[in-house]
Each structure stands twice: as C-alpha cells, then as structure tokens.
Amino acid sequence: MSLPLGQMKYQPFGDLRLRFPAQATATHYRRELDLDTAVAKVSYRVGDVTYVREAFSSFPDQVIVYRVTADRRGSVSFTATMDSPHKSAQTAVRNRNQLALFGQVKEGGVKFESRLRIIAPGGKVRHHRP
C-alpha cells in the first residue's frame, strides 16, 4: 500500500555508473558469489595490477556497499555518476563528501533520494560539475 493510494509500482530508482579509465585490456577475469556472506566479487588484471570489486547490501542499515581495491598503491581511479529515468531527477553535492540523486516519480508521486559517499583512504576524492 502506498500513501497516497495508487502510486506507480515497481519503478526503477536510478543507476550508479563507475567509469574506469584504461581497463579495456583486462585479463584473468573472475566473478564470484559467496552465498554464506552474500558478497558478490569480481577480480581481474590490467597489466601487472590486480583489481578487486566487492558488493553487498544491508537492508537493516539501508546501504549498498561497493568496494574497489588494487594490489598496487595509487592504481584505483574512476569517475562516478548517478542518473535516473525519471525526468525530475537531479544530482547535487551534499555535505561536501556526498553525491545525492533525488527526484519524484511523477507529479504528486513518490519522492526519492539516494546518497553516494566515496571513502578513499590515502587517496583523493574530487567533485566537479560537467
């Protein structure tokens, strides 16, 4: 049930897009799903660097975690964007360290917002407007 009644059901929220430069020549690609820990994992090599991407979600914490690592310091670099098929959707920087995607499904419909926070121990996070 929705309030008000009759909201559009099963709408897509949006997409997080990560663009990694110069990784077209990846080798040793491997995908894994650990059913005991519910962690999805991808690993691959580009040149002499091994990259690992891990993802899991927690309903009680209302979070999806996506971790990107490399076995060589300074090798992780990407551009993150968020978009949505809903025309009202916008993005904005919040609290200097979060990117928010927000909007409304339709006029008078359900409003939505998600936040992306990137934590880069030993690295830098920059944001810019296109």
C-alpha atoms as a PDB file:
ATOM      1  CA  MET A   1       0.000   0.000   0.000  1.00  0.00           C
ATOM      2  CA  SER A   2       1.191   3.466  -0.767  1.00  0.00           C
ATOM      3  CA  LEU A   3       0.209   6.866   0.511  1.00  0.00           C
ATOM      4  CA  PRO A   4      -1.494   8.327  -1.324  1.00  0.00           C
ATOM      5  CA  LEU A   5      -3.064   5.188  -2.781  1.00  0.00           C
ATOM      6  CA  GLY A   6      -2.364   4.368  -6.399  1.00  0.00           C
ATOM      7  CA  GLN A   7       1.332   5.240  -6.597  1.00  0.00           C
ATOM      8  CA  MET A   8       3.237   3.844  -9.566  1.00  0.00           C
ATOM      9  CA  LYS A   9       4.583   0.431  -8.624  1.00  0.00           C
ATOM     10  CA  TYR A  10       7.968  -1.156  -9.319  1.00  0.00           C
ATOM     11  CA  GLN A  11       9.633   1.959 -10.671  1.00  0.00           C
ATOM     12  CA  PRO A  12      13.377   1.939 -11.330  1.00  0.00           C
ATOM     13  CA  PHE A  13      15.186   4.275  -8.983  1.00  0.00           C
ATOM     14  CA  GLY A  14      18.389   5.093 -10.774  1.00  0.00           C
ATOM     15  CA  ASP A  15      21.834   3.902 -11.733  1.00  0.00           C
ATOM     16  CA  LEU A  16      25.288   4.357 -10.298  1.00  0.00           C
ATOM     17  CA  ARG A  17      27.818   4.387 -13.122  1.00  0.00           C
ATOM     18  CA  LEU A  18      31.533   3.913 -12.476  1.00  0.00           C
ATOM     19  CA  ARG A  19      33.882   4.567 -15.372  1.00  0.00           C
ATOM     20  CA  PHE A  20      37.391   3.166 -15.011  1.00  0.00           C
ATOM     21  CA  PRO A  21      39.969   4.584 -17.437  1.00  0.00           C
ATOM     22  CA  ALA A  22      42.295   2.338 -19.423  1.00  0.00           C
ATOM     23  CA  GLN A  23      40.906  -1.025 -18.325  1.00  0.00           C
ATOM     24  CA  ALA A  24      39.897  -2.342 -21.741  1.00  0.00           C
ATOM     25  CA  THR A  25      42.759  -4.862 -21.729  1.00  0.00           C
ATOM     26  CA  ALA A  26      41.654  -6.758 -18.609  1.00  0.00           C
ATOM     27  CA  THR A  27      42.708 -10.408 -18.261  1.00  0.00           C
ATOM     28  CA  HIS A  28      42.190 -13.149 -15.666  1.00  0.00           C
ATOM     29  CA  TYR A  29      38.584 -12.023 -15.187  1.00  0.00           C
ATOM     30  CA  ARG A  30      36.738 -13.908 -12.437  1.00  0.00           C
ATOM     31  CA  ARG A  31      33.260 -13.480 -10.894  1.00  0.00           C
ATOM     32  CA  GLU A  32      32.262 -14.971  -7.551  1.00  0.00           C
ATOM     33  CA  LEU A  33      29.234 -15.039  -5.287  1.00  0.00           C
ATOM     34  CA  ASP A  34      29.719 -16.196  -1.708  1.00  0.00           C
ATOM     35  CA  LEU A  35      26.320 -17.413  -0.543  1.00  0.00           C
ATOM     36  CA  ASP A  36      27.429 -17.547   3.112  1.00  0.00           C
ATOM     37  CA  THR A  37      28.421 -13.866   3.256  1.00  0.00           C
ATOM     38  CA  ALA A  38      26.244 -12.591   0.354  1.00  0.00           C
ATOM     39  CA  VAL A  39      29.257 -10.825  -1.177  1.00  0.00           C
ATOM     40  CA  ALA A  40      29.489 -10.559  -4.970  1.00  0.00           C
ATOM     41  CA  LYS A  41      33.069 -10.220  -6.175  1.00  0.00           C
ATOM     42  CA  VAL A  42      34.857  -9.527  -9.453  1.00  0.00           C
ATOM     43  CA  SER A  43      38.617  -9.658  -9.907  1.00  0.00           C
ATOM     44  CA  TYR A  44      40.792  -9.035 -12.957  1.00  0.00           C
ATOM     45  CA  ARG A  45      44.260  -7.885 -14.030  1.00  0.00           C
ATOM     46  CA  VAL A  46      45.262  -4.897 -16.118  1.00  0.00           C
ATOM     47  CA  GLY A  47      48.962  -5.053 -16.869  1.00  0.00           C
ATOM     48  CA  ASP A  48      50.654  -6.026 -13.601  1.00  0.00           C
ATOM     49  CA  VAL A  49      47.852  -4.721 -11.320  1.00  0.00           C
ATOM     50  CA  THR A  50      45.085  -6.907  -9.884  1.00  0.00           C
ATOM     51  CA  TYR A  51      41.777  -5.171  -9.200  1.00  0.00           C
ATOM     52  CA  VAL A  52      39.006  -6.462  -6.950  1.00  0.00           C
ATOM     53  CA  ARG A  53      35.452  -5.144  -6.751  1.00  0.00           C
ATOM     54  CA  GLU A  54      33.159  -6.405  -3.992  1.00  0.00           C
ATOM     55  CA  ALA A  55      29.491  -5.611  -3.334  1.00  0.00           C
ATOM     56  CA  PHE A  56      26.925  -6.392  -0.660  1.00  0.00           C
ATOM     57  CA  SER A  57      23.797  -4.806   0.739  1.00  0.00           C
ATOM     58  CA  SER A  58      22.301  -4.477   4.196  1.00  0.00           C
ATOM     59  CA  PHE A  59      18.573  -3.908   4.498  1.00  0.00           C
ATOM     60  CA  PRO A  60      18.684  -3.002   8.237  1.00  0.00           C
ATOM     61  CA  ASP A  61      21.366  -0.374   7.538  1.00  0.00           C
ATOM     62  CA  GLN A  62      19.704   0.772   4.276  1.00  0.00           C
ATOM     63  CA  VAL A  63      23.033   0.662   2.461  1.00  0.00           C
ATOM     64  CA  ILE A  64      24.661  -0.907  -0.578  1.00  0.00           C
ATOM     65  CA  VAL A  65      28.446  -1.148  -0.263  1.00  0.00           C
ATOM     66  CA  TYR A  66      30.737  -1.326  -3.276  1.00  0.00           C
ATOM     67  CA  ARG A  67      34.445  -1.682  -2.541  1.00  0.00           C
ATOM     68  CA  VAL A  68      37.155  -1.228  -5.182  1.00  0.00           C
ATOM     69  CA  THR A  69      40.752  -2.168  -4.410  1.00  0.00           C
ATOM     70  CA  ALA A  70      44.014  -2.783  -6.254  1.00  0.00           C
ATOM     71  CA  ASP A  71      47.216  -4.528  -5.220  1.00  0.00           C
ATOM     72  CA  ARG A  72      49.303  -1.511  -6.283  1.00  0.00           C
ATOM     73  CA  ARG A  73      49.064   1.797  -4.447  1.00  0.00           C
ATOM     74  CA  GLY A  74      47.594   4.664  -6.488  1.00  0.00           C
ATOM     75  CA  SER A  75      46.036   2.385  -9.123  1.00  0.00           C
ATOM     76  CA  VAL A  76      42.353   2.915  -8.354  1.00  0.00           C
ATOM     77  CA  SER A  77      40.859   5.768 -10.354  1.00  0.00           C
ATOM     78  CA  PHE A  78      37.314   6.182 -11.620  1.00  0.00           C
ATOM     79  CA  THR A  79      34.544   8.642 -12.347  1.00  0.00           C
ATOM     80  CA  ALA A  80      31.217   8.091 -10.578  1.00  0.00           C
ATOM     81  CA  THR A  81      27.896   9.441 -11.829  1.00  0.00           C
ATOM     82  CA  MET A  82      24.293   8.766 -10.895  1.00  0.00           C
ATOM     83  CA  ASP A  83      21.258   9.065 -13.153  1.00  0.00           C
ATOM     84  CA  SER A  84      17.606   8.071 -13.250  1.00  0.00           C
ATOM     85  CA  PRO A  85      14.981   7.528 -15.959  1.00  0.00           C
ATOM     86  CA  HIS A  86      12.646   9.904 -14.101  1.00  0.00           C
ATOM     87  CA  LYS A  87      12.600  13.367 -15.695  1.00  0.00           C
ATOM     88  CA  SER A  88      12.614  15.230 -12.379  1.00  0.00           C
ATOM     89  CA  ALA A  89      15.831  13.537 -11.199  1.00  0.00           C
ATOM     90  CA  GLN A  90      18.774  15.757 -10.329  1.00  0.00           C
ATOM     91  CA  THR A  91      22.159  15.334  -8.689  1.00  0.00           C
ATOM     92  CA  ALA A  92      23.827  17.633  -6.178  1.00  0.00           C
ATOM     93  CA  VAL A  93      26.816  17.577  -3.831  1.00  0.00           C
ATOM     94  CA  ARG A  94      25.712  17.296  -0.195  1.00  0.00           C
ATOM     95  CA  ASN A  95      27.886  17.819   2.896  1.00  0.00           C
ATOM     96  CA  ARG A  96      30.990  18.234   0.671  1.00  0.00           C
ATOM     97  CA  ASN A  97      31.545  14.453   0.565  1.00  0.00           C
ATOM     98  CA  GLN A  98      28.312  13.001  -0.823  1.00  0.00           C
ATOM     99  CA  LEU A  99      26.648  12.984  -4.217  1.00  0.00           C
ATOM    100  CA  ALA A 100      22.844  12.883  -3.991  1.00  0.00           C
ATOM    101  CA  LEU A 101      20.386  11.697  -6.646  1.00  0.00           C
ATOM    102  CA  PHE A 102      16.864  12.936  -5.945  1.00  0.00           C
ATOM    103  CA  GLY A 103      13.559  13.452  -7.698  1.00  0.00           C
ATOM    104  CA  GLN A 104       9.960  12.396  -7.924  1.00  0.00           C
ATOM    105  CA  VAL A 105       8.434   9.530  -9.911  1.00  0.00           C
ATOM    106  CA  LYS A 106       5.695  11.797 -11.270  1.00  0.00           C
ATOM    107  CA  GLU A 107       3.842  14.954 -10.249  1.00  0.00           C
ATOM    108  CA  GLY A 108       2.260  14.171  -6.876  1.00  0.00           C
ATOM    109  CA  GLY A 109       4.057  10.805  -6.803  1.00  0.00           C
ATOM    110  CA  VAL A 110       6.688   9.229  -4.580  1.00  0.00           C
ATOM    111  CA  LYS A 111       9.797  11.326  -3.929  1.00  0.00           C
ATOM    112  CA  PHE A 112      13.177   9.617  -3.774  1.00  0.00           C
ATOM    113  CA  GLU A 113      16.766  10.335  -2.785  1.00  0.00           C
ATOM    114  CA  SER A 114      19.949   8.308  -2.604  1.00  0.00           C
ATOM    115  CA  ARG A 115      23.420   9.286  -1.479  1.00  0.00           C
ATOM    116  CA  LEU A 116      26.832   8.207  -2.705  1.00  0.00           C
ATOM    117  CA  ARG A 117      29.768   8.598  -0.359  1.00  0.00           C
ATOM    118  CA  ILE A 118      33.259   7.681  -1.521  1.00  0.00           C
ATOM    119  CA  ILE A 119      35.883   6.891   1.098  1.00  0.00           C
ATOM    120  CA  ALA A 120      39.430   6.890  -0.254  1.00  0.00           C
ATOM    121  CA  PRO A 121      41.986   6.067   2.456  1.00  0.00           C
ATOM    122  CA  GLY A 122      45.290   7.564   1.332  1.00  0.00           C
ATOM    123  CA  GLY A 123      43.663   8.965  -1.806  1.00  0.00           C
ATOM    124  CA  LYS A 124      41.717  11.957  -3.064  1.00  0.00           C
ATOM    125  CA  VAL A 125      38.071  12.489  -3.919  1.00  0.00           C
ATOM    126  CA  ARG A 126      37.186  15.393  -6.195  1.00  0.00           C
ATOM    127  CA  HIS A 127      33.840  16.520  -7.485  1.00  0.00           C
ATOM    128  CA  HIS A 128      33.036  18.731 -10.449  1.00  0.00           C
ATOM    129  CA  ARG A 129      30.086  19.828 -12.487  1.00  0.00           C
ATOM    130  CA  PRO A 130      30.086  18.802 -16.169  1.00  0.00           C
END
